[in-house]
Structure formats: C-alpha cells, structure tokens
Protein backbone atom coordinates (compact mmCIF):
# COMPACT_ATOMS: atom_id res chain seq x y z
CA UNK A 1 20.81 2.13 -10.15
CA UNK A 2 18.56 4.54 -9.24
CA UNK A 3 14.88 4.23 -8.84
CA UNK A 4 12.79 7.86 -8.72
CA UNK A 5 9.09 7.85 -7.69
CA UNK A 6 7.32 10.56 -8.10
CA UNK A 7 3.06 11.70 -7.65
CA UNK A 8 2.23 11.15 -4.05
CA UNK A 9 0.21 13.57 -1.93
CA UNK A 10 -2.90 14.05 -0.22
CA UNK A 11 -5.98 13.23 -2.18
CA UNK A 12 -9.62 13.13 -1.00
CA UNK A 13 -11.95 9.54 -0.66
CA UNK A 14 -13.16 8.46 -3.84
CA UNK A 15 -10.27 10.30 -5.33
CA UNK A 16 -7.62 8.79 -7.75
CA UNK A 17 -4.09 9.47 -8.31
CA UNK A 18 -1.03 8.27 -10.48
CA UNK A 19 2.74 7.39 -9.22
CA UNK A 20 5.63 7.11 -11.22
CA UNK A 21 8.96 5.58 -11.09
CA UNK A 22 11.74 5.97 -13.23
CA UNK A 23 14.33 3.45 -13.13
CA UNK A 24 17.80 4.22 -14.36
CA UNK A 25 21.47 2.84 -13.94
CA UNK A 26 23.93 0.03 -15.68
CA UNK A 27 20.95 -2.27 -16.01
CA UNK A 28 19.03 -0.59 -18.60
CA UNK A 29 16.12 -2.78 -18.43
CA UNK A 30 14.80 -4.44 -15.44
CA UNK A 31 13.13 -7.75 -15.35
CA UNK A 32 10.01 -6.48 -13.62
CA UNK A 33 8.99 -3.41 -11.28
CA UNK A 34 6.55 -3.46 -8.50
CA UNK A 35 4.84 -0.83 -6.04
CA UNK A 36 4.63 -1.43 -2.62
CA UNK A 37 3.22 0.31 0.60
CA UNK A 38 4.09 0.44 3.77
CA UNK A 39 2.45 2.16 6.96
CA UNK A 40 4.09 2.57 10.61
CA UNK A 41 4.82 -0.49 12.37
CA UNK A 42 3.35 -2.80 9.46
CA UNK A 43 5.08 -5.10 7.23
CA UNK A 44 5.86 -3.67 3.63
CA UNK A 45 3.24 -5.05 1.29
CA UNK A 46 3.40 -5.71 -2.16
CA UNK A 47 0.39 -3.84 -4.18
CA UNK A 48 0.89 -4.63 -8.09
CA UNK A 49 3.71 -5.68 -10.12
CA UNK A 50 4.44 -6.20 -13.77
CA UNK A 51 6.56 -7.90 -16.01
CA UNK A 52 8.87 -5.38 -18.12
CA UNK A 53 8.32 -6.07 -22.12
CA UNK A 54 5.67 -8.88 -21.60
CA UNK A 55 3.65 -6.87 -19.26
CA UNK A 56 1.82 -9.42 -17.46
CA UNK A 57 0.79 -7.89 -14.12
CA UNK A 58 -0.34 -8.81 -10.69
CA UNK A 59 -2.37 -7.05 -7.81
CA UNK A 60 -2.99 -7.23 -4.63
CA UNK A 61 -6.64 -8.27 -3.29
CA UNK A 62 -6.90 -4.83 -1.82
CA UNK A 63 -6.32 -2.93 -4.77
CA UNK A 64 -8.12 -5.45 -7.16
CA UNK A 65 -10.35 -3.55 -9.58
CA UNK A 66 -9.08 -0.25 -8.57
CA UNK A 67 -5.46 -0.14 -9.58
CA UNK A 68 -3.66 -0.03 -12.91
CA UNK A 69 0.12 -0.55 -13.47
CA UNK A 70 1.92 0.06 -16.46
CA UNK A 71 5.12 0.60 -18.29
CA UNK A 72 6.33 3.11 -20.65
CA UNK A 73 7.23 2.05 -24.40
CA UNK A 74 11.05 2.63 -23.26
CA UNK A 75 10.54 0.10 -20.55
CA UNK A 76 12.28 2.00 -17.85
CA UNK A 77 9.24 3.62 -16.08
CA UNK A 78 6.50 2.44 -14.53
CA UNK A 79 3.20 3.69 -13.60
CA UNK A 80 0.46 3.10 -10.82
CA UNK A 81 -2.93 4.54 -11.29
CA UNK A 82 -5.12 3.94 -8.19
CA UNK A 83 -8.82 4.78 -8.49
CA UNK A 84 -11.84 5.08 -5.75
CA UNK A 85 -9.08 5.82 -3.15
CA UNK A 86 -9.76 4.77 0.63
CA UNK A 87 -8.16 5.87 3.91
CA UNK A 88 -6.76 2.47 3.90
CA UNK A 89 -4.85 3.27 1.23
CA UNK A 90 -2.59 6.08 3.05
CA UNK A 91 0.80 4.54 3.47
CA UNK A 92 4.22 5.49 1.66
CA UNK A 93 4.66 4.15 -1.68
CA UNK A 94 8.07 2.18 -2.65
CA UNK A 95 8.91 1.53 -6.08
CA UNK A 96 11.15 -1.77 -6.63
CA UNK A 97 12.73 -3.35 -9.34
CA UNK A 98 14.51 -6.63 -10.08
CA UNK A 99 16.76 -7.74 -12.98
CA UNK A 100 16.45 -11.19 -11.85
CA UNK A 101 13.87 -13.68 -12.58
CA UNK A 102 10.85 -13.65 -10.33
CA UNK A 103 8.02 -16.36 -10.89
CA UNK A 104 4.72 -15.08 -10.85
CA UNK A 105 3.63 -15.83 -7.19
CA UNK A 106 6.79 -13.96 -5.85
CA UNK A 107 5.88 -10.61 -7.65
CA UNK A 108 4.26 -9.16 -4.66
CA UNK A 109 7.04 -10.37 -2.14
CA UNK A 110 9.89 -7.86 -1.28
CA UNK A 111 12.38 -10.21 -1.20
CA UNK A 112 12.22 -10.91 -4.78
CA UNK A 113 13.57 -7.27 -5.49
CA UNK A 114 16.85 -5.89 -5.06
CA UNK A 115 16.49 -2.27 -6.01
CA UNK A 116 14.29 0.07 -3.82
CA UNK A 117 13.03 3.92 -4.38
CA UNK A 118 13.22 6.25 -1.50
CA UNK A 119 9.25 6.48 -1.14
CA UNK A 120 6.26 8.68 -1.96
CA UNK A 121 3.91 9.58 0.64
CA UNK A 122 0.36 9.19 -0.03
CA UNK A 123 -2.54 10.27 2.32
CA UNK A 124 -6.05 9.52 1.59
CA UNK A 125 -8.78 11.63 3.90
C-alpha cells in the first residue's frame, strides 16, 4: 500500500495551494482518507477528512471555511485546497488512509488510519 503526496512548497500568506494524494496497493478503495499536519515538537493534527465514495467531509476548526477536501472520480486520490494561507499553516502535511470503518467523530484522529504517506512540506511566509 502506498500513499504519494504532491503539491507542497513555499507560498506567500493569503495565497492558496492544492495538495494531492494518490492511494495504490492491494486495496483498491479506501474507506476514508485524510490530511494531517505536523510541526516539530507538536502532535500530528487532523486537518480534513473525507469518506471515499459518499463524500462526506470533516474539517479542523483551524481550516474551516478555508479548506476543501475532494476526491477523484476513480476514488483513489484526494486533494486538499487551502485558501487564505497563514504562517500558522506551515507544517509537514501527511496523507492518510483507512480501509476500516471510521466513525465521523474519529475522522481527524490519527489512530483511525493505517496507511500514511511520507509527507510534503508547506511553508507560508
């Protein structure tokens, strides 16, 4: 199972970026996918999550209204768009996937996910 992220980089404050994550491996479809972020010395925090197929989403308060998580029609890729970026959005962003059932209230919990990407750095200045 592999998760491959792309789209990170350096962005100016108030700008936008779009991260992408492709899921491949023995399980063609995951149940849900999510984006997490982490800065040195801090816990990995959930940013946004989506149920694959059904499309229901959940967002962290820190990005609510600024972020959109979406899935490809082939249901093995998700994208995260964040607008009005702030320096506080600077972090390593990780894609995660679960092929087990995840309750809506647990979508942003890192313990809900079995598969993780290597991460892509986002720096906002």
